[in-house]
Amino acid sequence: MIKYIIYTQKNCIYCAEAKSIFDEAGEVYEERKLDTAEKVRRFKNAGHTTVPQIFLHIGGFHELEEFFFGDDVSFKPDIKLVEDTKPLKIGSLSGEKKVISFAEKRALVKGRKLLEDKDE
């Protein structure tokens, strides 16, 4: 079974956010807490310096084969639909482009409203 393995530490906001993303996406993950000095030492000796560290666990040969080659999809595109579809414009309706931060993108995806800047 394919799952994610996430190494975390207590009171880590990025660890909590990463787990939140997994939960929202409905993904299976296994949390491995770095809650002892020995676990932290082994983690650092493996070359890791920050948490969370996230790994995709696929399994053995058969799971790897299924991961790469399973669920073949036969897809025949509707060429007329593709030709008739007008490309989407990026930016606001006025045509101006607005660059938004990663936090703003996450807020949009989650349906959250960020606090407005004090200068505006």
Protein backbone atom coordinates (compact mmCIF):
# COMPACT_ATOMS: atom_id res chain seq x y z
CA MET A 1 0.00 0.00 0.00
CA ILE A 2 1.35 3.41 -0.94
CA LYS A 3 1.62 5.86 1.92
CA TYR A 4 3.60 8.85 3.03
CA ILE A 5 5.98 8.83 5.99
CA ILE A 6 6.39 12.16 7.77
CA TYR A 7 9.00 12.86 10.44
CA THR A 8 7.83 15.51 12.90
CA GLN A 9 8.69 17.23 16.16
CA LYS A 10 6.45 18.63 18.87
CA ASN A 11 5.34 22.28 18.46
CA CYS A 12 6.44 22.45 14.79
CA ILE A 13 3.96 24.60 12.83
CA TYR A 14 5.22 23.28 9.48
CA CYS A 15 4.72 19.70 10.66
CA ALA A 16 1.15 20.52 11.68
CA GLU A 17 0.47 22.22 8.33
CA ALA A 18 1.95 19.29 6.38
CA LYS A 19 -0.29 16.84 8.27
CA SER A 20 -3.23 19.16 7.61
CA ILE A 21 -2.53 19.01 3.87
CA PHE A 22 -2.45 15.21 4.00
CA ASP A 23 -5.73 15.14 5.95
CA GLU A 24 -7.44 17.55 3.53
CA ALA A 25 -6.25 15.50 0.56
CA GLY A 26 -7.41 12.26 2.19
CA GLU A 27 -3.93 10.75 1.89
CA VAL A 28 -2.62 7.95 4.09
CA TYR A 29 0.45 8.85 6.11
CA GLU A 30 2.46 7.52 9.00
CA GLU A 31 3.82 10.04 11.47
CA ARG A 32 7.19 9.32 13.04
CA LYS A 33 7.79 11.64 15.97
CA LEU A 34 11.30 12.69 16.83
CA ASP A 35 10.56 12.74 20.54
CA THR A 36 13.77 11.39 22.05
CA ALA A 37 17.40 12.49 21.87
CA GLU A 38 18.34 9.16 20.24
CA LYS A 39 15.75 9.57 17.46
CA VAL A 40 16.94 13.15 16.80
CA ARG A 41 20.59 11.99 16.72
CA ARG A 42 19.83 9.24 14.16
CA PHE A 43 17.74 11.68 12.11
CA LYS A 44 20.61 14.20 11.98
CA ASN A 45 23.16 11.47 11.25
CA ALA A 46 21.05 10.53 8.21
CA GLY A 47 21.70 14.06 6.91
CA HIS A 48 18.38 15.71 7.75
CA THR A 49 18.40 19.13 9.36
CA THR A 50 14.77 20.25 9.33
CA VAL A 51 11.30 18.90 9.96
CA PRO A 52 9.00 17.90 8.56
CA GLN A 53 10.74 15.41 6.31
CA ILE A 54 8.26 13.63 4.06
CA PHE A 55 8.86 10.41 2.17
CA LEU A 56 6.72 8.38 -0.18
CA HIS A 57 6.67 4.69 0.79
CA ILE A 58 5.67 2.52 -2.15
CA GLY A 59 6.48 -0.98 -0.93
CA GLY A 60 8.19 -3.82 -2.79
CA PHE A 61 8.63 -4.75 -6.43
CA HIS A 62 4.96 -5.43 -7.16
CA GLU A 63 3.85 -2.18 -5.54
CA LEU A 64 6.48 -0.27 -7.52
CA GLU A 65 5.32 -1.90 -10.74
CA GLU A 66 1.70 -1.00 -9.91
CA PHE A 67 2.75 2.55 -9.01
CA PHE A 68 4.40 3.15 -12.38
CA PHE A 69 2.40 0.96 -14.74
CA GLY A 70 -0.95 0.22 -13.08
CA ASP A 71 -4.35 1.60 -14.02
CA ASP A 72 -3.71 2.17 -17.72
CA VAL A 73 -5.98 4.91 -18.96
CA SER A 74 -7.17 4.96 -22.52
CA PHE A 75 -7.84 8.56 -23.41
CA LYS A 76 -9.00 9.92 -26.73
CA PRO A 77 -9.16 13.71 -26.66
CA ASP A 78 -12.10 15.51 -28.24
CA ILE A 79 -10.14 17.57 -30.78
CA LYS A 80 -13.16 19.75 -31.65
CA LEU A 81 -13.66 20.63 -27.97
CA VAL A 82 -9.96 21.49 -27.62
CA GLU A 83 -10.02 23.67 -30.74
CA ASP A 84 -13.23 25.46 -29.69
CA THR A 85 -12.07 26.18 -26.13
CA LYS A 86 -10.70 29.67 -25.63
CA PRO A 87 -7.62 29.90 -23.42
CA LEU A 88 -8.09 31.28 -19.92
CA LYS A 89 -6.59 34.64 -19.09
CA ILE A 90 -4.46 34.84 -16.01
CA GLY A 91 -4.99 37.82 -13.77
CA SER A 92 -7.96 39.96 -12.95
CA LEU A 93 -10.72 40.94 -15.36
CA SER A 94 -9.01 44.25 -16.04
CA GLY A 95 -6.05 42.35 -17.44
CA GLU A 96 -3.61 43.37 -14.74
CA LYS A 97 -1.51 40.56 -13.37
CA LYS A 98 -1.26 40.14 -9.64
CA VAL A 99 1.47 38.12 -8.01
CA ILE A 100 0.24 36.39 -4.88
CA SER A 101 2.23 34.74 -2.13
CA PHE A 102 2.24 31.07 -1.28
CA ALA A 103 0.24 31.86 1.88
CA GLU A 104 -2.40 33.64 -0.22
CA LYS A 105 -2.62 30.66 -2.60
CA ARG A 106 -3.03 28.27 0.36
CA ALA A 107 -5.71 30.54 1.83
CA LEU A 108 -7.58 30.56 -1.47
CA VAL A 109 -7.41 26.78 -1.72
CA LYS A 110 -8.60 26.38 1.86
CA GLY A 111 -11.26 29.08 1.47
CA ARG A 112 -9.66 31.24 4.15
CA LYS A 113 -9.40 35.00 4.21
CA LEU A 114 -6.02 36.46 5.14
CA LEU A 115 -5.72 39.58 7.29
CA GLU A 116 -5.40 42.65 5.10
CA ASP A 117 -2.12 44.57 5.16
CA LYS A 118 -2.20 47.53 7.54
CA ASP A 119 -0.99 49.90 4.80
CA GLU A 120 -4.01 49.25 2.56
